[in-house]
Amino acid sequence: MADIAKVITIIGNSPDGFAEAAQVAVTEASKTLRGITGADVLSMSCEVDGDRITSYRTTVNIAFAIER
């Protein structure tokens, strides 16, 4: 039987960098989803105040197994 996965899109934010923002997305998703099998960073952006980056943002597709 073939495995089936579902994908949702999550946005993670962090003041510490893009990798941390992606980790925040996965960590938060794992609080309500079981069986996460992968994450794909779709885009990265940041908030800027004057000449400083204040927050990093990643848009992440989270894949997880569908339970039957």
C-alpha atoms as a PDB file:
ATOM      1  CA  MET A   1       0.000   0.000   0.000  1.00  0.00           C
ATOM      2  CA  ALA A   2       1.298   3.491  -0.844  1.00  0.00           C
ATOM      3  CA  ASP A   3       1.990   6.015   1.880  1.00  0.00           C
ATOM      4  CA  ILE A   4       0.134   9.303   1.742  1.00  0.00           C
ATOM      5  CA  ALA A   5       1.263  12.594   3.259  1.00  0.00           C
ATOM      6  CA  LYS A   6      -0.453  15.898   3.813  1.00  0.00           C
ATOM      7  CA  VAL A   7       1.334  19.255   3.552  1.00  0.00           C
ATOM      8  CA  ILE A   8       0.502  22.438   5.429  1.00  0.00           C
ATOM      9  CA  THR A   9       2.168  25.845   5.252  1.00  0.00           C
ATOM     10  CA  ILE A  10       3.435  27.488   8.443  1.00  0.00           C
ATOM     11  CA  ILE A  11       5.260  30.793   9.008  1.00  0.00           C
ATOM     12  CA  GLY A  12       7.942  30.809  11.708  1.00  0.00           C
ATOM     13  CA  ASN A  13       9.435  33.968  13.257  1.00  0.00           C
ATOM     14  CA  SER A  14      12.632  34.468  15.242  1.00  0.00           C
ATOM     15  CA  PRO A  15      14.880  37.364  16.224  1.00  0.00           C
ATOM     16  CA  ASP A  16      17.890  35.027  15.885  1.00  0.00           C
ATOM     17  CA  GLY A  17      17.983  34.021  12.209  1.00  0.00           C
ATOM     18  CA  PHE A  18      16.355  32.105   9.382  1.00  0.00           C
ATOM     19  CA  ALA A  19      17.364  28.658  10.663  1.00  0.00           C
ATOM     20  CA  GLU A  20      15.824  29.408  14.050  1.00  0.00           C
ATOM     21  CA  ALA A  21      12.640  30.701  12.359  1.00  0.00           C
ATOM     22  CA  ALA A  22      12.350  27.417  10.441  1.00  0.00           C
ATOM     23  CA  GLN A  23      12.914  25.474  13.669  1.00  0.00           C
ATOM     24  CA  VAL A  24      10.165  27.491  15.375  1.00  0.00           C
ATOM     25  CA  ALA A  25       7.766  26.529  12.562  1.00  0.00           C
ATOM     26  CA  VAL A  26       8.581  22.822  12.922  1.00  0.00           C
ATOM     27  CA  THR A  27       8.455  22.928  16.736  1.00  0.00           C
ATOM     28  CA  GLU A  28       5.081  24.668  16.784  1.00  0.00           C
ATOM     29  CA  ALA A  29       3.648  22.328  14.134  1.00  0.00           C
ATOM     30  CA  SER A  30       4.784  19.300  16.142  1.00  0.00           C
ATOM     31  CA  LYS A  31       2.605  20.426  19.064  1.00  0.00           C
ATOM     32  CA  THR A  32      -0.534  19.550  17.093  1.00  0.00           C
ATOM     33  CA  LEU A  33       0.699  17.202  14.334  1.00  0.00           C
ATOM     34  CA  ARG A  34       2.072  13.687  14.620  1.00  0.00           C
ATOM     35  CA  GLY A  35       4.329  11.998  12.127  1.00  0.00           C
ATOM     36  CA  ILE A  36       6.091  15.012  10.607  1.00  0.00           C
ATOM     37  CA  THR A  37       8.331  13.650   7.866  1.00  0.00           C
ATOM     38  CA  GLY A  38       9.841  16.758   6.325  1.00  0.00           C
ATOM     39  CA  ALA A  39       9.965  20.518   6.031  1.00  0.00           C
ATOM     40  CA  ASP A  40      10.611  22.612   2.933  1.00  0.00           C
ATOM     41  CA  VAL A  41      11.504  26.304   3.329  1.00  0.00           C
ATOM     42  CA  LEU A  42       9.584  28.127   0.604  1.00  0.00           C
ATOM     43  CA  SER A  43      10.701  31.674   1.316  1.00  0.00           C
ATOM     44  CA  MET A  44      12.597  33.830   3.756  1.00  0.00           C
ATOM     45  CA  SER A  45      11.974  37.456   4.666  1.00  0.00           C
ATOM     46  CA  CYS A  46      12.731  39.803   7.513  1.00  0.00           C
ATOM     47  CA  GLU A  47      11.380  42.825   9.306  1.00  0.00           C
ATOM     48  CA  VAL A  48      13.644  45.853   9.416  1.00  0.00           C
ATOM     49  CA  ASP A  49      13.681  48.851  11.747  1.00  0.00           C
ATOM     50  CA  GLY A  50      15.950  51.576  10.396  1.00  0.00           C
ATOM     51  CA  ASP A  51      19.121  49.781   9.376  1.00  0.00           C
ATOM     52  CA  ARG A  52      18.674  46.699  11.593  1.00  0.00           C
ATOM     53  CA  ILE A  53      16.926  43.387  11.031  1.00  0.00           C
ATOM     54  CA  THR A  54      14.545  42.871  13.944  1.00  0.00           C
ATOM     55  CA  SER A  55      12.851  39.598  12.998  1.00  0.00           C
ATOM     56  CA  TYR A  56      13.522  36.761  10.570  1.00  0.00           C
ATOM     57  CA  ARG A  57      10.608  34.946   8.944  1.00  0.00           C
ATOM     58  CA  THR A  58      10.450  31.654   7.050  1.00  0.00           C
ATOM     59  CA  THR A  59       7.476  30.227   5.207  1.00  0.00           C
ATOM     60  CA  VAL A  60       7.708  26.454   5.562  1.00  0.00           C
ATOM     61  CA  ASN A  61       5.753  23.541   4.084  1.00  0.00           C
ATOM     62  CA  ILE A  62       5.419  20.818   6.731  1.00  0.00           C
ATOM     63  CA  ALA A  63       4.746  17.274   5.492  1.00  0.00           C
ATOM     64  CA  PHE A  64       3.210  14.649   7.790  1.00  0.00           C
ATOM     65  CA  ALA A  65       1.780  11.191   7.429  1.00  0.00           C
ATOM     66  CA  ILE A  66      -1.965  10.713   7.232  1.00  0.00           C
ATOM     67  CA  GLU A  67      -3.116   8.248   9.865  1.00  0.00           C
ATOM     68  CA  ARG A  68      -5.698   5.695   8.859  1.00  0.00           C
END
